[in-house]
Amino acid sequence: MKKIRWGIVSTAKIAREWLIPALHASQHAEVVAVASRDLAKAEAFAEKAGIPKAYGSYEALLADPNVDAIYNPLPNDQHVPVSMQAIKAGKHVLCEKPLGMDAANIQPLLELAAANPQLVVMEAFMYRFHPQWVKVREIIESGDLGQINAVEADFTYFNRDENNVRNKPGIGGGGLLDIGCYCISAARFIFGREPKRVTGMLDIDPQFGVDRHATGLLDFGPGMATFYCSTQSDSSQWVKISGEKGSLIVENPFYRRDMPSRLLLRNGDTDKEIVVGHYNHYVQQVDAFCAAINESLPAPTPLSDALGNIKVIDAVFKAAETGAWVEL
């Protein structure tokens, strides 16, 4: 399997701390270029990260014939335009979540990707590639939990940095787009279908103008999911699945690279701890993406999943405005 040559269209923290180390760790990838609108910044970043080439514009990187695929961790409002530029330049695209600002925003990208099936284009929900979620699916399908009645999800952190992109409304800031998307994605994955209707509430930060607390209720009929996400609460993440015969708690559902993952299965009076092991799901994601390119396969996670997720996010925003259920 040949190594896929990657370009990074940003000097963002997530690229520096998570994706680039994963690319270096993968046997199927190499990082060959990074771009920023500030050439000096790109050069300094490249030197620290061990990247051979630095560009002072995204267009210059996309014109590089030695780049096979790009990673787009730019602010949410730049996901669609820059990813579309990359597709037009013949590059495979791994774009950070959410794929765009809303369902209408991502539609041109979906159409362009569909018109270029030779390219792998995927939303980067790295958690899906952790083996613990394969185990979750196995437990559900085994019938140990019985019919799934409810999913509860929680994802929070504390960030009041006025310069952080998550606290800027015009570019897609706020907790719902940043981390609520994980809770919604997990619920859809667990039920294996789309919700029928959605309602929710938001608490808007008066200084930043973005949602700092968000909660939602998703009706999967049968079954329901609830979630809470916050950018101004102590760090926390967990998912609980409740069924007729048992329950399952995923202790670290979305990211944890420094320790093994643990699932807690309860059937009646019997408790069982399942340790899945130590995996870096960013590396797993990179390997799966590169394999799809090398083997001419569809993206490991289809863009239809990204569309389904953003539709639910849109519905939560609408429900928060109207105070009513939103049908999907």
Protein backbone atom coordinates (compact mmCIF):
# COMPACT_ATOMS: atom_id res chain seq x y z
CA MET A 1 0.00 0.00 0.00
CA LYS A 2 1.51 3.31 -1.06
CA LYS A 3 1.82 6.17 1.38
CA ILE A 4 -0.74 8.91 0.87
CA ARG A 5 0.86 12.37 0.81
CA TRP A 6 -1.02 14.86 2.98
CA GLY A 7 -1.27 18.62 3.03
CA ILE A 8 -2.66 20.50 6.03
CA VAL A 9 -4.65 23.64 5.21
CA SER A 10 -4.23 25.31 8.58
CA THR A 11 -1.89 25.68 11.51
CA ALA A 12 -4.75 24.96 13.93
CA LYS A 13 -4.15 23.40 17.33
CA ILE A 14 -6.11 20.26 16.46
CA ALA A 15 -3.82 19.67 13.49
CA ARG A 16 -0.68 20.24 15.55
CA GLU A 17 -1.69 18.16 18.57
CA TRP A 18 -3.83 15.41 17.09
CA LEU A 19 -3.96 14.85 13.33
CA ILE A 20 -0.33 15.49 12.37
CA PRO A 21 1.00 13.14 15.08
CA ALA A 22 -1.47 10.55 13.79
CA LEU A 23 -0.23 11.02 10.23
CA HIS A 24 3.36 10.60 11.42
CA ALA A 25 2.37 7.46 13.34
CA SER A 26 0.53 5.88 10.42
CA GLN A 27 2.41 3.53 8.12
CA HIS A 28 0.19 4.63 5.25
CA ALA A 29 0.60 8.41 5.35
CA GLU A 30 3.18 11.16 5.23
CA VAL A 31 2.78 14.91 5.76
CA VAL A 32 4.38 16.81 2.90
CA ALA A 33 3.00 20.36 3.19
CA VAL A 34 1.20 22.86 5.40
CA ALA A 35 -0.44 26.15 4.45
CA SER A 36 -1.43 29.32 6.24
CA ARG A 37 -2.44 32.75 5.00
CA ASP A 38 0.72 33.89 6.82
CA LEU A 39 3.81 32.33 5.21
CA ALA A 40 6.04 33.00 8.22
CA LYS A 41 3.53 31.25 10.45
CA ALA A 42 3.37 28.28 8.08
CA GLU A 43 7.16 28.05 7.94
CA ALA A 44 7.51 28.11 11.72
CA PHE A 45 4.78 25.49 12.05
CA ALA A 46 6.40 23.28 9.40
CA GLU A 47 9.78 23.43 11.11
CA LYS A 48 8.35 22.37 14.48
CA ALA A 49 6.15 19.65 13.00
CA GLY A 50 8.77 18.20 10.65
CA ILE A 51 6.87 19.09 7.47
CA PRO A 52 8.99 19.63 4.30
CA LYS A 53 6.99 22.40 2.59
CA ALA A 54 5.20 25.52 3.80
CA TYR A 55 2.87 27.68 1.75
CA GLY A 56 1.52 31.18 2.32
CA SER A 57 -1.88 30.40 0.79
CA TYR A 58 -4.25 27.45 0.62
CA GLU A 59 -4.39 27.79 -3.15
CA ALA A 60 -0.63 27.25 -3.43
CA LEU A 61 -0.82 24.04 -1.42
CA LEU A 62 -3.77 22.78 -3.46
CA ALA A 63 -1.77 23.37 -6.64
CA ASP A 64 1.07 21.14 -5.39
CA PRO A 65 1.01 17.92 -7.48
CA ASN A 66 2.80 16.08 -4.68
CA VAL A 67 -0.20 16.45 -2.35
CA ASP A 68 -2.73 13.62 -2.62
CA ALA A 69 -5.08 14.50 0.24
CA ILE A 70 -5.78 17.45 2.48
CA TYR A 71 -6.95 17.83 6.06
CA ASN A 72 -9.21 20.82 6.67
CA PRO A 73 -9.41 21.90 10.35
CA LEU A 74 -10.26 25.53 9.57
CA PRO A 75 -13.10 27.37 11.36
CA ASN A 76 -16.52 25.94 10.52
CA ASP A 77 -17.42 28.64 8.00
CA GLN A 78 -14.36 27.65 5.91
CA HIS A 79 -15.07 23.93 5.79
CA VAL A 80 -17.22 24.02 2.67
CA PRO A 81 -15.38 26.60 0.51
CA VAL A 82 -11.87 25.26 1.11
CA SER A 83 -12.94 21.62 0.83
CA MET A 84 -14.63 22.42 -2.48
CA GLN A 85 -11.46 24.11 -3.72
CA ALA A 86 -9.55 20.96 -2.80
CA ILE A 87 -11.95 18.69 -4.68
CA LYS A 88 -11.70 20.91 -7.75
CA ALA A 89 -7.91 20.59 -7.46
CA GLY A 90 -8.24 16.79 -7.49
CA LYS A 91 -7.44 16.21 -3.82
CA HIS A 92 -9.03 13.77 -1.40
CA VAL A 93 -10.53 15.61 1.58
CA LEU A 94 -10.74 14.84 5.28
CA CYS A 95 -12.72 17.74 6.73
CA GLU A 96 -13.19 18.39 10.42
CA LYS A 97 -16.65 18.15 11.87
CA PRO A 98 -19.14 19.62 11.40
CA LEU A 99 -18.91 19.46 7.62
CA GLY A 100 -20.39 22.95 7.39
CA MET A 101 -22.56 25.57 9.02
CA ASP A 102 -25.92 23.95 8.22
CA ALA A 103 -27.58 21.57 5.76
CA ALA A 104 -28.03 24.24 3.08
CA ASN A 105 -24.38 25.25 3.41
CA ILE A 106 -23.03 21.74 2.79
CA GLN A 107 -25.30 20.90 -0.17
CA PRO A 108 -22.93 22.26 -2.87
CA LEU A 109 -20.08 20.27 -1.32
CA LEU A 110 -22.17 17.09 -1.33
CA GLU A 111 -23.05 17.62 -4.99
CA LEU A 112 -19.43 18.28 -5.97
CA ALA A 113 -18.22 15.21 -4.08
CA ALA A 114 -20.89 13.07 -5.78
CA ALA A 115 -19.69 14.35 -9.16
CA ASN A 116 -16.13 13.26 -8.29
CA PRO A 117 -16.52 9.69 -6.99
CA GLN A 118 -12.83 8.99 -7.62
CA LEU A 119 -12.04 11.21 -4.63
CA VAL A 120 -12.53 10.22 -1.00
CA VAL A 121 -14.32 13.00 0.88
CA MET A 122 -15.20 12.48 4.53
CA GLU A 123 -16.25 14.29 7.69
CA ALA A 124 -13.68 13.65 10.43
CA PHE A 125 -15.63 12.05 13.27
CA MET A 126 -12.58 10.21 14.58
CA TYR A 127 -14.40 8.55 17.49
CA ARG A 128 -16.22 6.22 15.08
CA PHE A 129 -12.90 4.50 14.36
CA HIS A 130 -12.14 3.53 17.95
CA PRO A 131 -12.61 -0.24 18.50
CA GLN A 132 -14.74 0.48 21.56
CA TRP A 133 -17.54 1.58 19.22
CA VAL A 134 -17.25 -1.67 17.29
CA LYS A 135 -17.71 -3.40 20.65
CA VAL A 136 -20.71 -1.19 21.47
CA ARG A 137 -22.32 -2.23 18.20
CA GLU A 138 -21.58 -5.91 18.92
CA ILE A 139 -23.21 -5.68 22.36
CA ILE A 140 -26.31 -4.00 20.94
CA GLU A 141 -26.64 -6.55 18.14
CA SER A 142 -26.09 -9.46 20.56
CA GLY A 143 -29.37 -8.62 22.26
CA ASP A 144 -27.77 -8.32 25.70
CA LEU A 145 -29.44 -4.94 26.19
CA GLY A 146 -32.75 -5.87 24.61
CA GLN A 147 -34.63 -3.13 22.79
CA ILE A 148 -32.84 0.20 23.14
CA ASN A 149 -35.10 2.63 24.96
CA ALA A 150 -32.85 5.60 25.62
CA VAL A 151 -29.45 7.13 24.97
CA GLU A 152 -28.01 9.85 27.19
CA ALA A 153 -24.88 11.76 26.17
CA ASP A 154 -22.81 14.45 27.85
CA PHE A 155 -19.83 16.39 26.46
CA THR A 156 -18.48 19.52 28.15
CA TYR A 157 -15.39 21.66 28.62
CA PHE A 158 -14.64 25.16 29.91
CA ASN A 159 -13.41 27.85 27.50
CA ARG A 160 -14.05 31.58 27.88
CA ASP A 161 -11.16 32.71 25.68
CA GLU A 162 -12.55 35.60 23.63
CA ASN A 163 -10.04 34.88 20.86
CA ASN A 164 -10.98 31.21 20.50
CA VAL A 165 -12.92 30.36 17.33
CA ARG A 166 -15.49 28.49 19.42
CA ASN A 167 -16.53 31.80 20.97
CA LYS A 168 -17.03 33.64 17.68
CA PRO A 169 -20.59 33.45 16.28
CA GLY A 170 -19.90 34.58 12.72
CA ILE A 171 -17.63 31.64 11.92
CA GLY A 172 -19.66 28.82 13.43
CA GLY A 173 -18.77 28.99 17.11
CA GLY A 174 -20.75 27.60 20.02
CA GLY A 175 -21.00 24.28 21.78
CA LEU A 176 -23.72 22.66 19.68
CA LEU A 177 -21.67 22.75 16.46
CA ASP A 178 -18.41 21.96 18.24
CA ILE A 179 -19.30 19.11 20.61
CA GLY A 180 -23.06 18.67 20.54
CA CYS A 181 -22.48 17.18 17.11
CA TYR A 182 -20.69 14.24 18.81
CA CYS A 183 -23.63 13.54 21.11
CA ILE A 184 -26.04 13.60 18.18
CA SER A 185 -23.76 11.46 16.03
CA ALA A 186 -23.43 8.85 18.78
CA ALA A 187 -27.20 8.65 19.28
CA ARG A 188 -27.78 8.16 15.56
CA PHE A 189 -25.04 5.50 15.46
CA ILE A 190 -26.51 3.61 18.42
CA PHE A 191 -30.09 3.59 17.11
CA GLY A 192 -28.93 3.01 13.54
CA ARG A 193 -31.51 5.40 12.11
CA GLU A 194 -32.53 9.04 11.99
CA PRO A 195 -34.77 10.65 14.63
CA LYS A 196 -38.34 11.47 13.66
CA ARG A 197 -38.48 14.79 15.50
CA VAL A 198 -36.27 16.96 17.68
CA THR A 199 -36.58 19.65 20.31
CA GLY A 200 -33.99 21.52 22.35
CA MET A 201 -32.89 24.55 24.32
CA LEU A 202 -29.87 26.85 24.14
CA ASP A 203 -28.34 29.26 26.61
CA ILE A 204 -26.51 32.05 24.76
CA ASP A 205 -23.45 33.72 26.25
CA PRO A 206 -24.28 37.45 26.47
CA GLN A 207 -20.67 38.45 25.76
CA PHE A 208 -19.80 36.11 22.90
CA GLY A 209 -23.21 35.56 21.31
CA VAL A 210 -22.73 31.79 20.99
CA ASP A 211 -24.47 28.90 22.73
CA ARG A 212 -22.58 28.00 25.91
CA HIS A 213 -25.08 25.37 27.05
CA ALA A 214 -27.26 23.23 24.79
CA THR A 215 -29.61 20.36 25.45
CA GLY A 216 -31.68 18.31 23.06
CA LEU A 217 -34.29 15.56 22.94
CA LEU A 218 -34.38 13.30 19.90
CA ASP A 219 -37.41 11.08 19.25
CA PHE A 220 -36.32 7.91 17.45
CA GLY A 221 -39.76 6.29 17.88
CA PRO A 222 -39.30 3.78 19.49
CA GLY A 223 -36.58 5.11 21.73
CA MET A 224 -35.31 8.55 22.63
CA ALA A 225 -31.99 10.31 23.11
CA THR A 226 -31.07 13.26 25.30
CA PHE A 227 -27.85 15.23 25.38
CA TYR A 228 -26.17 18.11 27.15
CA CYS A 229 -23.15 19.95 25.81
CA SER A 230 -21.39 23.00 27.17
CA THR A 231 -18.35 25.16 26.53
CA GLN A 232 -18.57 26.60 30.04
CA SER A 233 -18.81 23.57 32.32
CA ASP A 234 -16.16 21.35 33.85
CA SER A 235 -14.75 18.81 31.39
CA SER A 236 -16.88 15.68 31.10
CA GLN A 237 -17.91 13.11 28.54
CA TRP A 238 -19.97 9.93 28.74
CA VAL A 239 -22.68 8.01 26.94
CA LYS A 240 -25.25 5.73 28.57
CA ILE A 241 -27.42 3.28 26.63
CA SER A 242 -30.51 1.93 28.40
CA GLY A 243 -32.35 -1.14 27.14
CA GLU A 244 -35.12 -3.46 28.30
CA LYS A 245 -32.65 -6.06 29.57
CA GLY A 246 -29.52 -4.08 30.40
CA SER A 247 -27.53 -0.88 30.19
CA LEU A 248 -24.12 0.12 28.87
CA ILE A 249 -21.97 3.08 29.87
CA VAL A 250 -19.20 4.32 27.56
CA GLU A 251 -16.89 6.16 29.93
CA ASN A 252 -14.77 8.02 27.38
CA PRO A 253 -16.82 7.95 24.21
CA PHE A 254 -15.22 10.63 22.06
CA TYR A 255 -11.52 10.98 22.74
CA ARG A 256 -8.99 9.35 25.01
CA ARG A 257 -5.52 8.48 23.76
CA ASP A 258 -3.64 8.19 27.06
CA MET A 259 -5.46 5.24 28.63
CA PRO A 260 -7.48 2.14 27.73
CA SER A 261 -11.20 2.55 27.10
CA ARG A 262 -13.72 1.00 29.46
CA LEU A 263 -17.32 -0.06 28.96
CA LEU A 264 -19.60 -0.89 31.89
CA LEU A 265 -22.28 -3.46 31.08
CA ARG A 266 -25.12 -4.14 33.52
CA ASN A 267 -27.71 -6.90 33.15
CA GLY A 268 -30.02 -6.99 36.15
CA ASP A 269 -27.80 -7.49 39.20
CA THR A 270 -24.75 -8.45 37.13
CA ASP A 271 -22.06 -5.88 36.34
CA LYS A 272 -19.30 -6.49 33.82
CA GLU A 273 -16.34 -4.28 32.99
CA ILE A 274 -15.10 -4.50 29.40
CA VAL A 275 -11.65 -3.02 28.70
CA VAL A 276 -11.21 -2.41 25.00
CA GLY A 277 -7.55 -1.45 25.06
CA HIS A 278 -5.33 1.48 24.21
CA TYR A 279 -5.91 2.90 20.72
CA ASN A 280 -5.34 6.23 19.03
CA HIS A 281 -8.52 6.68 17.00
CA TYR A 282 -6.93 9.49 15.01
CA VAL A 283 -4.44 6.95 13.64
CA GLN A 284 -7.28 4.47 13.05
CA GLN A 285 -9.15 7.17 11.10
CA VAL A 286 -6.10 8.03 8.99
CA ASP A 287 -5.43 4.37 8.20
CA ALA A 288 -9.04 3.77 7.14
CA PHE A 289 -9.06 6.91 4.99
CA CYS A 290 -5.77 5.99 3.28
CA ALA A 291 -6.99 2.44 2.67
CA ALA A 292 -10.09 3.80 0.94
CA ILE A 293 -7.87 5.85 -1.37
CA ASN A 294 -5.46 3.02 -2.14
CA GLU A 295 -8.19 0.45 -2.69
CA SER A 296 -10.57 2.79 -4.58
CA LEU A 297 -13.27 2.31 -1.96
CA PRO A 298 -15.97 4.74 -0.81
CA ALA A 299 -15.25 6.91 2.21
CA PRO A 300 -15.38 4.86 5.44
CA THR A 301 -18.08 7.21 6.72
CA PRO A 302 -20.36 8.38 3.88
CA LEU A 303 -21.31 12.03 3.43
CA SER A 304 -24.94 11.02 3.85
CA ASP A 305 -24.07 10.55 7.53
CA ALA A 306 -22.72 14.11 7.70
CA LEU A 307 -25.96 15.37 6.14
CA GLY A 308 -28.06 13.41 8.62
CA ASN A 309 -26.13 14.85 11.54
CA ILE A 310 -26.27 18.48 10.42
CA LYS A 311 -30.02 18.19 9.80
CA VAL A 312 -30.51 17.25 13.45
CA ILE A 313 -28.26 20.13 14.56
CA ASP A 314 -30.34 22.50 12.41
CA ALA A 315 -33.48 21.15 14.04
CA VAL A 316 -32.12 21.76 17.55
CA PHE A 317 -31.33 25.38 16.62
CA LYS A 318 -34.83 25.83 15.17
CA ALA A 319 -36.52 24.20 18.16
CA ALA A 320 -34.60 26.46 20.52
CA GLU A 321 -36.01 29.47 18.64
CA THR A 322 -39.60 28.26 18.42
CA GLY A 323 -39.94 26.24 21.61
CA ALA A 324 -41.61 23.48 19.60
CA TRP A 325 -40.82 20.06 18.20
CA VAL A 326 -39.22 20.08 14.75
CA GLU A 327 -40.16 17.22 12.42
CA LEU A 328 -37.43 15.60 10.34
